């Protein structure tokens, strides 16, 4: 029984690390898309991508910054018409 546990432990550790790496990559992509859509003039899509980043992520502060920027641009009145 102990041998089964010892053999399963590295597998569980690998799966755990893989999901953490995948989560970090998704956060990086969402930051990229938030910036991209903001620069293209789509603040709502920028906010949607930035909100996908969870508070426990190291990129959370950057995501909050993009949400603030896009929210400000989304609330400005457009007098160009």
Protein backbone atom coordinates (compact mmCIF):
# COMPACT_ATOMS: atom_id res chain seq x y z
CA UNK A 1 0.00 0.00 0.00
CA UNK A 2 2.81 2.40 0.83
CA UNK A 3 4.52 1.66 -2.48
CA UNK A 4 1.35 2.65 -4.39
CA UNK A 5 1.26 5.92 -2.52
CA UNK A 6 4.93 6.59 -3.27
CA UNK A 7 4.37 5.83 -6.96
CA UNK A 8 1.28 8.06 -7.17
CA UNK A 9 2.89 11.03 -5.44
CA UNK A 10 5.14 12.10 -8.37
CA UNK A 11 2.19 11.83 -10.73
CA UNK A 12 0.08 14.06 -8.50
CA UNK A 13 2.93 16.55 -8.18
CA UNK A 14 3.35 16.64 -11.96
CA UNK A 15 -0.36 17.27 -12.52
CA UNK A 16 -0.35 20.01 -9.91
CA UNK A 17 2.63 21.77 -11.49
CA UNK A 18 1.17 21.42 -14.94
CA UNK A 19 -2.08 23.08 -13.95
CA UNK A 20 -0.20 25.93 -12.24
CA UNK A 21 1.87 26.47 -15.37
CA UNK A 22 -1.27 26.37 -17.51
CA UNK A 23 -2.97 28.90 -15.25
CA UNK A 24 0.05 31.23 -15.46
CA UNK A 25 0.03 30.96 -19.27
CA UNK A 26 -3.71 31.73 -19.41
CA UNK A 27 -3.17 34.77 -17.18
CA UNK A 28 -0.40 35.97 -19.48
CA UNK A 29 -2.64 35.55 -22.53
CA UNK A 30 -5.53 37.37 -20.86
CA UNK A 31 -3.26 40.31 -20.01
CA UNK A 32 -2.12 40.39 -23.63
CA UNK A 33 -5.71 40.34 -24.93
CA UNK A 34 -6.80 43.01 -22.44
CA UNK A 35 -4.06 45.30 -23.70
CA UNK A 36 -4.71 44.42 -27.35
CA UNK A 37 -8.45 45.08 -27.22
CA UNK A 38 -7.90 48.29 -25.25
CA UNK A 39 -5.52 49.58 -27.91
CA UNK A 40 -7.93 48.56 -30.69
CA UNK A 41 -10.76 50.53 -29.09
CA UNK A 42 -12.84 47.74 -27.56
CA UNK A 43 -12.87 48.52 -23.82
CA UNK A 44 -15.65 46.04 -23.00
CA UNK A 45 -13.67 43.12 -24.43
CA UNK A 46 -10.57 44.38 -22.65
CA UNK A 47 -12.43 44.36 -19.34
CA UNK A 48 -13.80 40.88 -20.02
CA UNK A 49 -10.31 39.45 -20.49
CA UNK A 50 -8.88 41.29 -17.50
CA UNK A 51 -11.66 39.99 -15.25
CA UNK A 52 -10.68 36.40 -16.03
CA UNK A 53 -7.59 36.85 -13.86
CA UNK A 54 -8.23 35.75 -10.29
CA UNK A 55 -7.09 37.63 -7.15
CA UNK A 56 -4.53 34.94 -6.24
CA UNK A 57 -2.65 35.51 -9.51
CA UNK A 58 0.59 37.52 -9.55
CA UNK A 59 -0.84 39.43 -12.54
CA UNK A 60 -3.91 40.59 -10.64
CA UNK A 61 -2.60 44.14 -10.12
CA UNK A 62 -1.94 44.49 -13.85
CA UNK A 63 -5.42 43.18 -14.62
CA UNK A 64 -6.99 45.70 -12.23
CA UNK A 65 -5.04 48.45 -14.00
CA UNK A 66 -6.44 47.41 -17.39
CA UNK A 67 -9.95 47.24 -15.95
CA UNK A 68 -9.55 50.77 -14.56
CA UNK A 69 -8.21 52.14 -17.84
CA UNK A 70 -10.87 50.47 -19.97
CA UNK A 71 -13.67 51.46 -17.57
CA UNK A 72 -12.58 55.08 -17.79
CA UNK A 73 -12.51 54.95 -21.60
CA UNK A 74 -15.84 53.13 -21.69
CA UNK A 75 -17.50 55.90 -19.64
CA UNK A 76 -16.23 58.82 -21.73
CA UNK A 77 -18.80 60.44 -23.93
CA UNK A 78 -18.21 60.34 -27.66
CA UNK A 79 -19.02 63.63 -29.37
CA UNK A 80 -17.65 62.64 -32.76
CA UNK A 81 -21.08 62.03 -34.31
